[in-house]
Amino acid sequence: MKFGMKLAVAAFALSAGVALTGTASAETVRLMTGPQGGVWVPLGGQLKDMWEKAIPGLSVQSMPGAGIANVRGIEEGKTEIGFGNSISTYDAIAGNAPFNKPHKNVCNIATLYPQYFQVLVLADSGINSIKDLKGKSITTQPRGNTGELITQHILKANGLSYNDVKVSFVSYTDSVEQMKDGHAQAFSLGTTIPSGAVMDLAAARDIRLLDLSADLPEMKKLNPGYTLVTVPAGTYPKQTNDVKVIGYATHLVASCKLPEDMVYTMTKVISENVTSMAAVNKAITGLTPKEMAEDIGVPFHKGAAKFYQEQGISVKAM
């Protein structure tokens, strides 16, 4: 690391206590990504490479995670940066369940792309709506994952709970296997489209994507950040119609204590490498600084705000 930056980061770390627990050091920041089989893992690997090249001496330690767990990890000092989902990060800032207090050390860096909460059912299951899941076996992500929280919400919006279904909390990969062998009749997940896990499942079993448009009014009562997004016809094999599902946004969050210059550079690097990032996840294609700076109710890190302000975009910073 160049001497000047090393002194700056080390001084910051000593004063703020950042990146000095666990395996981290003054030259290392930890990046929590997502569950096995999800797009956040390879996208995190690309961010690691880009940031390490742009910031001399910086080492990014990429670790598995999940939307809710990543935000908690930043607040508790277990990581410095993580992927988040707009709805759950907003709940963290506000101190809403499943968070037990307002999270004050979580700052926004950039919105990256829309996310799609999808509920897949076996074509011959007879399941046509969320209410039809009562008494059925379903599979979703591990506890602490945003997709798992939305599964709770969609059940609640229909007068159901986990007590009314048989539920497994496992990885995307394990969920696909449960659906393939018939141990689960429905698979809920929050991810981009097309989902690699869903494509894997569709190659082995006939499946249907449930339309969730009727669920939006009750879902918005649970979190005002929910919207409707469209999975276009042909996204998955044998999907002949557009399907409306529940939408939210994936974004990057960071400890508000990270140095301003470091986060400024990280944000700038994202903006300058949209094309290469879109090669990992095509949902990022065409991402602009204005879209990165979308107001999702989470204050921006001062370093990110500095970059957006240079682009003529006004944002709210911590």
C-alpha atoms as a PDB file:
ATOM      1  CA  MET A   1       0.000   0.000   0.000  1.00  0.00           C
ATOM      2  CA  LYS A   2       1.336   3.464  -0.787  1.00  0.00           C
ATOM      3  CA  PHE A   3       2.713   5.108   2.362  1.00  0.00           C
ATOM      4  CA  GLY A   4       0.279   8.030   2.410  1.00  0.00           C
ATOM      5  CA  MET A   5      -2.816   5.892   1.977  1.00  0.00           C
ATOM      6  CA  LYS A   6      -1.556   3.297   4.466  1.00  0.00           C
ATOM      7  CA  LEU A   7      -1.147   6.016   7.082  1.00  0.00           C
ATOM      8  CA  ALA A   8      -4.590   7.416   6.320  1.00  0.00           C
ATOM      9  CA  VAL A   9      -6.338   4.054   6.509  1.00  0.00           C
ATOM     10  CA  ALA A  10      -4.354   2.978   9.558  1.00  0.00           C
ATOM     11  CA  ALA A  11      -5.098   6.235  11.351  1.00  0.00           C
ATOM     12  CA  PHE A  12      -8.766   5.905  10.511  1.00  0.00           C
ATOM     13  CA  ALA A  13      -8.806   2.303  11.702  1.00  0.00           C
ATOM     14  CA  LEU A  14      -7.205   3.234  15.001  1.00  0.00           C
ATOM     15  CA  SER A  15      -9.652   6.057  15.623  1.00  0.00           C
ATOM     16  CA  ALA A  16     -12.798   4.269  14.448  1.00  0.00           C
ATOM     17  CA  GLY A  17     -11.920   0.653  15.170  1.00  0.00           C
ATOM     18  CA  VAL A  18     -12.719  -0.417  11.624  1.00  0.00           C
ATOM     19  CA  ALA A  19     -11.415  -3.611  10.025  1.00  0.00           C
ATOM     20  CA  LEU A  20      -9.397  -4.662  13.069  1.00  0.00           C
ATOM     21  CA  THR A  21     -11.454  -7.610  14.281  1.00  0.00           C
ATOM     22  CA  GLY A  22     -11.334 -11.199  13.133  1.00  0.00           C
ATOM     23  CA  THR A  23      -9.070 -11.696  10.146  1.00  0.00           C
ATOM     24  CA  ALA A  24      -9.280  -8.110   8.918  1.00  0.00           C
ATOM     25  CA  SER A  25      -6.449  -5.586   9.155  1.00  0.00           C
ATOM     26  CA  ALA A  26      -5.854  -1.925   8.322  1.00  0.00           C
ATOM     27  CA  GLU A  27      -5.185  -2.966   4.688  1.00  0.00           C
ATOM     28  CA  THR A  28      -8.175  -5.286   4.404  1.00  0.00           C
ATOM     29  CA  VAL A  29     -11.888  -4.658   3.999  1.00  0.00           C
ATOM     30  CA  ARG A  30     -14.376  -7.494   4.207  1.00  0.00           C
ATOM     31  CA  LEU A  31     -17.104  -7.877   1.614  1.00  0.00           C
ATOM     32  CA  MET A  32     -20.103 -10.076   2.423  1.00  0.00           C
ATOM     33  CA  THR A  33     -21.781 -11.433  -0.707  1.00  0.00           C
ATOM     34  CA  GLY A  34     -24.618 -13.970  -0.926  1.00  0.00           C
ATOM     35  CA  PRO A  35     -25.616 -17.627  -0.641  1.00  0.00           C
ATOM     36  CA  GLN A  36     -24.145 -20.454  -2.679  1.00  0.00           C
ATOM     37  CA  GLY A  37     -25.544 -20.518  -6.202  1.00  0.00           C
ATOM     38  CA  GLY A  38     -26.583 -16.857  -6.211  1.00  0.00           C
ATOM     39  CA  VAL A  39     -25.276 -14.059  -8.444  1.00  0.00           C
ATOM     40  CA  TRP A  40     -23.819 -12.022  -5.565  1.00  0.00           C
ATOM     41  CA  VAL A  41     -20.884 -14.429  -5.199  1.00  0.00           C
ATOM     42  CA  PRO A  42     -19.371 -13.940  -8.693  1.00  0.00           C
ATOM     43  CA  LEU A  43     -20.343 -10.258  -8.671  1.00  0.00           C
ATOM     44  CA  GLY A  44     -18.516  -9.855  -5.366  1.00  0.00           C
ATOM     45  CA  GLY A  45     -15.465 -11.492  -6.889  1.00  0.00           C
ATOM     46  CA  GLN A  46     -15.488  -8.954  -9.694  1.00  0.00           C
ATOM     47  CA  LEU A  47     -15.819  -6.022  -7.286  1.00  0.00           C
ATOM     48  CA  LYS A  48     -12.885  -7.405  -5.309  1.00  0.00           C
ATOM     49  CA  ASP A  49     -10.690  -7.481  -8.424  1.00  0.00           C
ATOM     50  CA  MET A  50     -11.762  -4.028  -9.596  1.00  0.00           C
ATOM     51  CA  TRP A  51     -11.289  -2.346  -6.226  1.00  0.00           C
ATOM     52  CA  GLU A  52      -7.928  -3.975  -5.525  1.00  0.00           C
ATOM     53  CA  LYS A  53      -6.625  -2.753  -8.892  1.00  0.00           C
ATOM     54  CA  ALA A  54      -7.943   0.767  -8.318  1.00  0.00           C
ATOM     55  CA  ILE A  55      -6.769   1.231  -4.713  1.00  0.00           C
ATOM     56  CA  PRO A  56      -3.059   0.353  -4.303  1.00  0.00           C
ATOM     57  CA  GLY A  57      -2.413  -2.045  -1.430  1.00  0.00           C
ATOM     58  CA  LEU A  58      -6.080  -2.687  -0.670  1.00  0.00           C
ATOM     59  CA  SER A  59      -7.099  -6.288   0.005  1.00  0.00           C
ATOM     60  CA  VAL A  60     -10.777  -7.235  -0.219  1.00  0.00           C
ATOM     61  CA  GLN A  61     -11.772 -10.393   1.641  1.00  0.00           C
ATOM     62  CA  SER A  62     -14.915 -11.807   0.003  1.00  0.00           C
ATOM     63  CA  MET A  63     -17.177 -13.875   2.245  1.00  0.00           C
ATOM     64  CA  PRO A  64     -20.594 -15.557   1.855  1.00  0.00           C
ATOM     65  CA  GLY A  65     -23.577 -13.766   3.287  1.00  0.00           C
ATOM     66  CA  ALA A  66     -27.200 -12.755   2.733  1.00  0.00           C
ATOM     67  CA  GLY A  67     -29.117  -9.494   2.488  1.00  0.00           C
ATOM     68  CA  ILE A  68     -30.230  -9.228   6.132  1.00  0.00           C
ATOM     69  CA  ALA A  69     -27.094 -10.833   7.555  1.00  0.00           C
ATOM     70  CA  ASN A  70     -24.842  -8.469   5.595  1.00  0.00           C
ATOM     71  CA  VAL A  71     -26.516  -5.367   7.005  1.00  0.00           C
ATOM     72  CA  ARG A  72     -26.302  -6.772  10.521  1.00  0.00           C
ATOM     73  CA  GLY A  73     -22.659  -7.650   9.900  1.00  0.00           C
ATOM     74  CA  ILE A  74     -21.822  -4.038   9.049  1.00  0.00           C
ATOM     75  CA  GLU A  75     -23.645  -2.696  12.090  1.00  0.00           C
ATOM     76  CA  GLU A  76     -21.919  -5.211  14.377  1.00  0.00           C
ATOM     77  CA  GLY A  77     -18.439  -4.641  12.931  1.00  0.00           C
ATOM     78  CA  LYS A  78     -18.149  -8.099  11.359  1.00  0.00           C
ATOM     79  CA  THR A  79     -17.736  -6.711   7.832  1.00  0.00           C
ATOM     80  CA  GLU A  80     -17.206  -3.354   6.156  1.00  0.00           C
ATOM     81  CA  ILE A  81     -19.116  -3.753   2.868  1.00  0.00           C
ATOM     82  CA  GLY A  82     -21.977  -5.969   1.702  1.00  0.00           C
ATOM     83  CA  PHE A  83     -24.720  -6.492  -0.801  1.00  0.00           C
ATOM     84  CA  GLY A  84     -28.134  -5.494   0.492  1.00  0.00           C
ATOM     85  CA  ASN A  85     -31.738  -5.346  -0.607  1.00  0.00           C
ATOM     86  CA  SER A  86     -33.613  -2.067  -0.441  1.00  0.00           C
ATOM     87  CA  ILE A  87     -36.571  -3.339   1.564  1.00  0.00           C
ATOM     88  CA  SER A  88     -34.568  -5.038   4.311  1.00  0.00           C
ATOM     89  CA  THR A  89     -31.920  -2.308   4.540  1.00  0.00           C
ATOM     90  CA  TYR A  90     -34.675   0.262   4.967  1.00  0.00           C
ATOM     91  CA  ASP A  91     -36.071  -1.851   7.805  1.00  0.00           C
ATOM     92  CA  ALA A  92     -32.606  -1.920   9.389  1.00  0.00           C
ATOM     93  CA  ILE A  93     -32.283   1.869   9.278  1.00  0.00           C
ATOM     94  CA  ALA A  94     -35.764   2.226  10.795  1.00  0.00           C
ATOM     95  CA  GLY A  95     -35.269  -0.529  13.372  1.00  0.00           C
ATOM     96  CA  ASN A  96     -38.181  -2.585  12.056  1.00  0.00           C
ATOM     97  CA  ALA A  97     -38.358  -6.375  12.403  1.00  0.00           C
ATOM     98  CA  PRO A  98     -36.344  -8.520  11.883  1.00  0.00           C
ATOM     99  CA  PHE A  99     -33.871  -5.920  13.189  1.00  0.00           C
ATOM    100  CA  ASN A 100     -33.952  -5.234  16.914  1.00  0.00           C
ATOM    101  CA  LYS A 101     -32.806  -1.598  16.783  1.00  0.00           C
ATOM    102  CA  PRO A 102     -32.164   1.219  14.290  1.00  0.00           C
ATOM    103  CA  HIS A 103     -28.878   0.554  12.474  1.00  0.00           C
ATOM    104  CA  LYS A 104     -26.846   3.770  12.481  1.00  0.00           C
ATOM    105  CA  ASN A 105     -23.582   2.579  10.896  1.00  0.00           C
ATOM    106  CA  VAL A 106     -25.015   1.433   7.557  1.00  0.00           C
ATOM    107  CA  CYS A 107     -24.543   3.754   4.581  1.00  0.00           C
ATOM    108  CA  ASN A 108     -25.602   3.331   0.958  1.00  0.00           C
ATOM    109  CA  ILE A 109     -23.031   3.166  -1.863  1.00  0.00           C
ATOM    110  CA  ALA A 110     -25.007   2.385  -5.019  1.00  0.00           C
ATOM    111  CA  THR A 111     -28.163   0.773  -6.342  1.00  0.00           C
ATOM    112  CA  LEU A 112     -27.127  -1.891  -8.872  1.00  0.00           C
ATOM    113  CA  TYR A 113     -30.203  -3.579 -10.367  1.00  0.00           C
ATOM    114  CA  PRO A 114     -33.791  -4.665  -9.693  1.00  0.00           C
ATOM    115  CA  GLN A 115     -34.463  -7.909  -7.854  1.00  0.00           C
ATOM    116  CA  TYR A 116     -37.370 -10.263  -8.421  1.00  0.00           C
ATOM    117  CA  PHE A 117     -39.073 -12.282  -5.697  1.00  0.00           C
ATOM    118  CA  GLN A 118     -40.248 -15.372  -7.539  1.00  0.00           C
ATOM    119  CA  VAL A 119     -42.373 -18.328  -6.466  1.00  0.00           C
ATOM    120  CA  LEU A 120     -41.923 -21.392  -8.675  1.00  0.00           C
ATOM    121  CA  VAL A 121     -44.227 -24.402  -8.426  1.00  0.00           C
ATOM    122  CA  LEU A 122     -44.182 -27.793 -10.091  1.00  0.00           C
ATOM    123  CA  ALA A 123     -46.461 -27.671 -13.127  1.00  0.00           C
ATOM    124  CA  ASP A 124     -48.580 -30.565 -11.865  1.00  0.00           C
ATOM    125  CA  SER A 125     -48.808 -29.347  -8.247  1.00  0.00           C
ATOM    126  CA  GLY A 126     -52.251 -27.731  -8.526  1.00  0.00           C
ATOM    127  CA  ILE A 127     -50.840 -24.591  -6.869  1.00  0.00           C
ATOM    128  CA  ASN A 128     -52.133 -21.423  -8.549  1.00  0.00           C
ATOM    129  CA  SER A 129     -51.778 -18.828  -5.790  1.00  0.00           C
ATOM    130  CA  ILE A 130     -49.994 -18.270  -2.494  1.00  0.00           C
ATOM    131  CA  LYS A 131     -53.120 -19.334  -0.602  1.00  0.00           C
ATOM    132  CA  ASP A 132     -52.796 -22.736  -2.283  1.00  0.00           C
ATOM    133  CA  LEU A 133     -49.486 -23.287  -0.459  1.00  0.00           C
ATOM    134  CA  LYS A 134     -51.316 -24.162   2.766  1.00  0.00           C
ATOM    135  CA  GLY A 135     -50.279 -27.650   3.827  1.00  0.00           C
ATOM    136  CA  LYS A 136     -47.691 -27.924   1.041  1.00  0.00           C
ATOM    137  CA  SER A 137     -43.911 -28.420   1.203  1.00  0.00           C
ATOM    138  CA  ILE A 138     -41.955 -25.319   0.200  1.00  0.00           C
ATOM    139  CA  THR A 139     -38.273 -24.478   0.074  1.00  0.00           C
ATOM    140  CA  THR A 140     -36.637 -21.089   0.492  1.00  0.00           C
ATOM    141  CA  GLN A 141     -33.339 -19.506   1.522  1.00  0.00           C
ATOM    142  CA  PRO A 142     -31.688 -19.834   4.959  1.00  0.00           C
ATOM    143  CA  ARG A 143     -32.829 -17.596   7.808  1.00  0.00           C
ATOM    144  CA  GLY A 144     -31.330 -14.135   7.476  1.00  0.00           C
ATOM    145  CA  ASN A 145     -31.699 -14.021   3.706  1.00  0.00           C
ATOM    146  CA  THR A 146     -33.944 -11.347   2.209  1.00  0.00           C
ATOM    147  CA  GLY A 147     -35.742 -13.954   0.088  1.00  0.00           C
ATOM    148  CA  GLU A 148     -36.637 -15.821   3.277  1.00  0.00           C
ATOM    149  CA  LEU A 149     -38.029 -12.643   4.864  1.00  0.00           C
ATOM    150  CA  ILE A 150     -40.142 -11.921   1.781  1.00  0.00           C
ATOM    151  CA  THR A 151     -41.433 -15.498   1.956  1.00  0.00           C
ATOM    152  CA  GLN A 152     -42.670 -14.738   5.483  1.00  0.00           C
ATOM    153  CA  HIS A 153     -44.294 -11.545   4.194  1.00  0.00           C
ATOM    154  CA  ILE A 154     -46.039 -13.159   1.210  1.00  0.00           C
ATOM    155  CA  LEU A 155     -47.460 -15.860   3.468  1.00  0.00           C
ATOM    156  CA  LYS A 156     -48.606 -13.259   6.009  1.00  0.00           C
ATOM    157  CA  ALA A 157     -50.210 -11.190   3.238  1.00  0.00           C
ATOM    158  CA  ASN A 158     -52.347 -14.248   2.526  1.00  0.00           C
ATOM    159  CA  GLY A 159     -53.238 -15.070   6.131  1.00  0.00           C
ATOM    160  CA  LEU A 160     -50.615 -17.837   6.392  1.00  0.00           C
ATOM    161  CA  SER A 161     -47.401 -18.468   8.318  1.00  0.00           C
ATOM    162  CA  TYR A 162     -44.647 -21.066   8.425  1.00  0.00           C
ATOM    163  CA  ASN A 163     -46.914 -23.084  10.716  1.00  0.00           C
ATOM    164  CA  ASP A 164     -49.243 -23.605   7.745  1.00  0.00           C
ATOM    165  CA  VAL A 165     -46.586 -25.057   5.422  1.00  0.00           C
ATOM    166  CA  LYS A 166     -43.698 -27.512   5.557  1.00  0.00           C
ATOM    167  CA  VAL A 167     -40.653 -25.338   4.918  1.00  0.00           C
ATOM    168  CA  SER A 168     -36.941 -25.954   4.281  1.00  0.00           C
ATOM    169  CA  PHE A 169     -34.388 -23.166   4.733  1.00  0.00           C
ATOM    170  CA  VAL A 170     -31.544 -24.113   2.394  1.00  0.00           C
ATOM    171  CA  SER A 171     -29.317 -22.847  -0.430  1.00  0.00           C
ATOM    172  CA  TYR A 172     -30.537 -22.281  -3.980  1.00  0.00           C
ATOM    173  CA  THR A 173     -28.714 -25.444  -4.995  1.00  0.00           C
ATOM    174  CA  ASP A 174     -30.400 -27.581  -2.334  1.00  0.00           C
ATOM    175  CA  SER A 175     -33.788 -26.025  -3.097  1.00  0.00           C
ATOM    176  CA  VAL A 176     -33.449 -27.036  -6.741  1.00  0.00           C
ATOM    177  CA  GLU A 177     -32.630 -30.610  -5.705  1.00  0.00           C
ATOM    178  CA  GLN A 178     -35.687 -30.734  -3.417  1.00  0.00           C
ATOM    179  CA  MET A 179     -37.898 -29.573  -6.259  1.00  0.00           C
ATOM    180  CA  LYS A 180     -36.330 -32.002  -8.720  1.00  0.00           C
ATOM    181  CA  ASP A 181     -36.983 -35.010  -6.508  1.00  0.00           C
ATOM    182  CA  GLY A 182     -40.483 -33.857  -5.493  1.00  0.00           C
ATOM    183  CA  HIS A 183     -39.702 -33.253  -1.818  1.00  0.00           C
ATOM    184  CA  ALA A 184     -40.841 -29.659  -2.287  1.00  0.00           C
ATOM    185  CA  GLN A 185     -43.727 -28.395  -4.407  1.00  0.00           C
ATOM    186  CA  ALA A 186     -42.851 -24.695  -4.351  1.00  0.00           C
ATOM    187  CA  PHE A 187     -39.581 -22.752  -4.395  1.00  0.00           C
ATOM    188  CA  SER A 188     -39.393 -19.079  -3.388  1.00  0.00           C
ATOM    189  CA  LEU A 189     -36.336 -16.961  -3.990  1.00  0.00           C
ATOM    190  CA  GLY A 190     -35.248 -13.377  -4.409  1.00  0.00           C
ATOM    191  CA  THR A 191     -32.745 -12.860  -7.207  1.00  0.00           C
ATOM    192  CA  THR A 192     -32.209 -11.413 -10.653  1.00  0.00           C
ATOM    193  CA  ILE A 193     -33.646 -12.876 -13.859  1.00  0.00           C
ATOM    194  CA  PRO A 194     -33.112 -15.247 -15.390  1.00  0.00           C
ATOM    195  CA  SER A 195     -32.069 -17.080 -12.240  1.00  0.00           C
ATOM    196  CA  GLY A 196     -29.461 -19.755 -12.850  1.00  0.00           C
ATOM    197  CA  ALA A 197     -31.066 -21.891 -10.143  1.00  0.00           C
ATOM    198  CA  VAL A 198     -34.466 -21.668 -11.828  1.00  0.00           C
ATOM    199  CA  MET A 199     -32.958 -22.462 -15.220  1.00  0.00           C
ATOM    200  CA  ASP A 200     -31.342 -25.552 -13.692  1.00  0.00           C
ATOM    201  CA  LEU A 201     -34.676 -26.629 -12.241  1.00  0.00           C
ATOM    202  CA  ALA A 202     -36.558 -25.935 -15.491  1.00  0.00           C
ATOM    203  CA  ALA A 203     -34.148 -28.200 -17.359  1.00  0.00           C
ATOM    204  CA  ALA A 204     -35.261 -31.126 -15.184  1.00  0.00           C
ATOM    205  CA  ARG A 205     -38.915 -30.455 -14.282  1.00  0.00           C
ATOM    206  CA  ASP A 206     -41.870 -28.597 -15.775  1.00  0.00           C
ATOM    207  CA  ILE A 207     -42.499 -25.574 -13.571  1.00  0.00           C
ATOM    208  CA  ARG A 208     -44.742 -22.512 -13.423  1.00  0.00           C
ATOM    209  CA  LEU A 209     -44.038 -19.016 -12.115  1.00  0.00           C
ATOM    210  CA  LEU A 210     -46.850 -17.666  -9.932  1.00  0.00           C
ATOM    211  CA  ASP A 211     -48.308 -14.240 -10.708  1.00  0.00           C
ATOM    212  CA  LEU A 212     -48.098 -12.183  -7.490  1.00  0.00           C
ATOM    213  CA  SER A 213     -49.836  -8.986  -8.616  1.00  0.00           C
ATOM    214  CA  ALA A 214     -52.857  -9.595  -6.371  1.00  0.00           C
ATOM    215  CA  ASP A 215     -50.553  -9.774  -3.352  1.00  0.00           C
ATOM    216  CA  LEU A 216     -48.997  -6.313  -3.770  1.00  0.00           C
ATOM    217  CA  PRO A 217     -51.527  -4.232  -1.743  1.00  0.00           C
ATOM    218  CA  GLU A 218     -51.059  -6.363   1.381  1.00  0.00           C
ATOM    219  CA  MET A 219     -47.302  -6.606   0.789  1.00  0.00           C
ATOM    220  CA  LYS A 220     -47.000  -2.794   0.681  1.00  0.00           C
ATOM    221  CA  LYS A 221     -48.673  -2.649   4.087  1.00  0.00           C
ATOM    222  CA  LEU A 222     -45.790  -4.742   5.412  1.00  0.00           C
ATOM    223  CA  ASN A 223     -43.075  -2.713   3.650  1.00  0.00           C
ATOM    224  CA  PRO A 224     -43.769   0.323   1.426  1.00  0.00           C
ATOM    225  CA  GLY A 225     -40.695  -0.477  -0.678  1.00  0.00           C
ATOM    226  CA  TYR A 226     -42.332  -3.415  -2.448  1.00  0.00           C
ATOM    227  CA  THR A 227     -43.280  -2.903  -6.100  1.00  0.00           C
ATOM    228  CA  LEU A 228     -44.440  -4.999  -9.034  1.00  0.00           C
ATOM    229  CA  VAL A 229     -41.932  -6.005 -11.691  1.00  0.00           C
ATOM    230  CA  THR A 230     -42.390  -8.100 -14.809  1.00  0.00           C
ATOM    231  CA  VAL A 231     -40.684 -11.353 -15.717  1.00  0.00           C
ATOM    232  CA  PRO A 232     -41.010 -11.213 -19.520  1.00  0.00           C
ATOM    233  CA  ALA A 233     -42.384 -14.151 -21.479  1.00  0.00           C
ATOM    234  CA  GLY A 234     -39.607 -16.492 -22.521  1.00  0.00           C
ATOM    235  CA  THR A 235     -37.398 -15.735 -19.527  1.00  0.00           C
ATOM    236  CA  TYR A 236     -37.748 -19.384 -18.525  1.00  0.00           C
ATOM    237  CA  PRO A 237     -38.483 -22.495 -20.640  1.00  0.00           C
ATOM    238  CA  LYS A 238     -42.196 -22.907 -21.505  1.00  0.00           C
ATOM    239  CA  GLN A 239     -43.041 -19.483 -19.991  1.00  0.00           C
ATOM    240  CA  THR A 240     -45.414 -18.155 -22.641  1.00  0.00           C
ATOM    241  CA  ASN A 241     -46.725 -15.049 -20.834  1.00  0.00           C
ATOM    242  CA  ASP A 242     -45.365 -12.076 -18.919  1.00  0.00           C
ATOM    243  CA  VAL A 243     -45.629 -12.695 -15.160  1.00  0.00           C
ATOM    244  CA  LYS A 244     -45.870 -10.010 -12.462  1.00  0.00           C
ATOM    245  CA  VAL A 245     -43.821 -10.657  -9.324  1.00  0.00           C
ATOM    246  CA  ILE A 246     -42.732  -8.684  -6.264  1.00  0.00           C
ATOM    247  CA  GLY A 247     -39.805  -6.331  -6.886  1.00  0.00           C
ATOM    248  CA  TYR A 248     -37.160  -4.488  -4.883  1.00  0.00           C
ATOM    249  CA  ALA A 249     -33.571  -3.298  -5.522  1.00  0.00           C
ATOM    250  CA  THR A 250     -30.133  -4.760  -4.891  1.00  0.00           C
ATOM    251  CA  HIS A 251     -27.578  -2.236  -3.685  1.00  0.00           C
ATOM    252  CA  LEU A 252     -24.200  -2.008  -1.967  1.00  0.00           C
ATOM    253  CA  VAL A 253     -23.899  -0.814   1.609  1.00  0.00           C
ATOM    254  CA  ALA A 254     -20.850   0.015   3.682  1.00  0.00           C
ATOM    255  CA  SER A 255     -19.818   0.992   7.159  1.00  0.00           C
ATOM    256  CA  CYS A 256     -20.289   4.734   7.488  1.00  0.00           C
ATOM    257  CA  LYS A 257     -16.849   4.726   9.190  1.00  0.00           C
ATOM    258  CA  LEU A 258     -14.930   3.718   6.054  1.00  0.00           C
ATOM    259  CA  PRO A 259     -12.645   6.488   4.720  1.00  0.00           C
ATOM    260  CA  GLU A 260     -14.380   8.917   2.377  1.00  0.00           C
ATOM    261  CA  ASP A 261     -11.678   8.709  -0.303  1.00  0.00           C
ATOM    262  CA  MET A 262     -11.831   4.899  -0.350  1.00  0.00           C
ATOM    263  CA  VAL A 263     -15.597   4.777  -0.857  1.00  0.00           C
ATOM    264  CA  TYR A 264     -15.419   7.587  -3.419  1.00  0.00           C
ATOM    265  CA  THR A 265     -13.009   5.503  -5.495  1.00  0.00           C
ATOM    266  CA  MET A 266     -15.085   2.334  -5.073  1.00  0.00           C
ATOM    267  CA  THR A 267     -18.192   4.155  -6.296  1.00  0.00           C
ATOM    268  CA  LYS A 268     -16.341   5.710  -9.240  1.00  0.00           C
ATOM    269  CA  VAL A 269     -14.943   2.299 -10.222  1.00  0.00           C
ATOM    270  CA  ILE A 270     -18.435   0.793 -10.325  1.00  0.00           C
ATOM    271  CA  SER A 271     -19.633   3.589 -12.616  1.00  0.00           C
ATOM    272  CA  GLU A 272     -16.638   3.119 -14.944  1.00  0.00           C
ATOM    273  CA  ASN A 273     -17.002  -0.675 -15.201  1.00  0.00           C
ATOM    274  CA  VAL A 274     -20.711  -1.184 -15.873  1.00  0.00           C
ATOM    275  CA  THR A 275     -20.048  -3.112 -19.087  1.00  0.00           C
ATOM    276  CA  SER A 276     -17.745  -5.648 -17.449  1.00  0.00           C
ATOM    277  CA  MET A 277     -20.088  -6.053 -14.469  1.00  0.00           C
ATOM    278  CA  ALA A 278     -22.986  -6.643 -16.871  1.00  0.00           C
ATOM    279  CA  ALA A 279     -21.032  -9.592 -18.265  1.00  0.00           C
ATOM    280  CA  VAL A 280     -21.503 -11.231 -14.844  1.00  0.00           C
ATOM    281  CA  ASN A 281     -25.087 -10.054 -14.371  1.00  0.00           C
ATOM    282  CA  LYS A 282     -26.814  -8.611 -17.424  1.00  0.00           C
ATOM    283  CA  ALA A 283     -29.388  -6.844 -15.203  1.00  0.00           C
ATOM    284  CA  ILE A 284     -26.642  -4.244 -14.641  1.00  0.00           C
ATOM    285  CA  THR A 285     -26.522  -3.392 -18.364  1.00  0.00           C
ATOM    286  CA  GLY A 286     -26.818   0.344 -18.952  1.00  0.00           C
ATOM    287  CA  LEU A 287     -26.572   1.297 -15.272  1.00  0.00           C
ATOM    288  CA  THR A 288     -26.073   5.072 -14.944  1.00  0.00           C
ATOM    289  CA  PRO A 289     -24.829   7.216 -12.049  1.00  0.00           C
ATOM    290  CA  LYS A 290     -28.368   8.570 -11.699  1.00  0.00           C
ATOM    291  CA  GLU A 291     -29.733   5.046 -11.247  1.00  0.00           C
ATOM    292  CA  MET A 292     -26.906   4.210  -8.852  1.00  0.00           C
ATOM    293  CA  ALA A 293     -27.928   7.220  -6.773  1.00  0.00           C
ATOM    294  CA  GLU A 294     -31.597   6.203  -6.510  1.00  0.00           C
ATOM    295  CA  ASP A 295     -33.141   7.268  -3.195  1.00  0.00           C
ATOM    296  CA  ILE A 296     -34.232   4.101  -1.391  1.00  0.00           C
ATOM    297  CA  GLY A 297     -34.449   5.688   2.065  1.00  0.00           C
ATOM    298  CA  VAL A 298     -30.883   4.747   3.085  1.00  0.00           C
ATOM    299  CA  PRO A 299     -28.423   7.664   3.567  1.00  0.00           C
ATOM    300  CA  PHE A 300     -25.368   7.606   1.306  1.00  0.00           C
ATOM    301  CA  HIS A 301     -21.796   7.315   2.513  1.00  0.00           C
ATOM    302  CA  LYS A 302     -20.006  10.660   2.222  1.00  0.00           C
ATOM    303  CA  GLY A 303     -17.574   9.164  -0.288  1.00  0.00           C
ATOM    304  CA  ALA A 304     -20.361   7.943  -2.541  1.00  0.00           C
ATOM    305  CA  ALA A 305     -22.220  11.246  -2.163  1.00  0.00           C
ATOM    306  CA  LYS A 306     -19.083  13.110  -3.289  1.00  0.00           C
ATOM    307  CA  PHE A 307     -18.981  11.074  -6.514  1.00  0.00           C
ATOM    308  CA  TYR A 308     -22.672  11.633  -7.268  1.00  0.00           C
ATOM    309  CA  GLN A 309     -22.416  15.338  -6.549  1.00  0.00           C
ATOM    310  CA  GLU A 310     -19.595  15.546  -9.120  1.00  0.00           C
ATOM    311  CA  GLN A 311     -22.078  14.034 -11.595  1.00  0.00           C
ATOM    312  CA  GLY A 312     -24.581  16.781 -10.784  1.00  0.00           C
ATOM    313  CA  ILE A 313     -26.766  14.456  -8.682  1.00  0.00           C
ATOM    314  CA  SER A 314     -27.938  15.585  -5.260  1.00  0.00           C
ATOM    315  CA  VAL A 315     -28.188  12.837  -2.640  1.00  0.00           C
ATOM    316  CA  LYS A 316     -28.706  12.618   1.102  1.00  0.00           C
ATOM    317  CA  ALA A 317     -25.502  11.648   2.916  1.00  0.00           C
ATOM    318  CA  MET A 318     -24.970  10.441   6.478  1.00  0.00           C
END
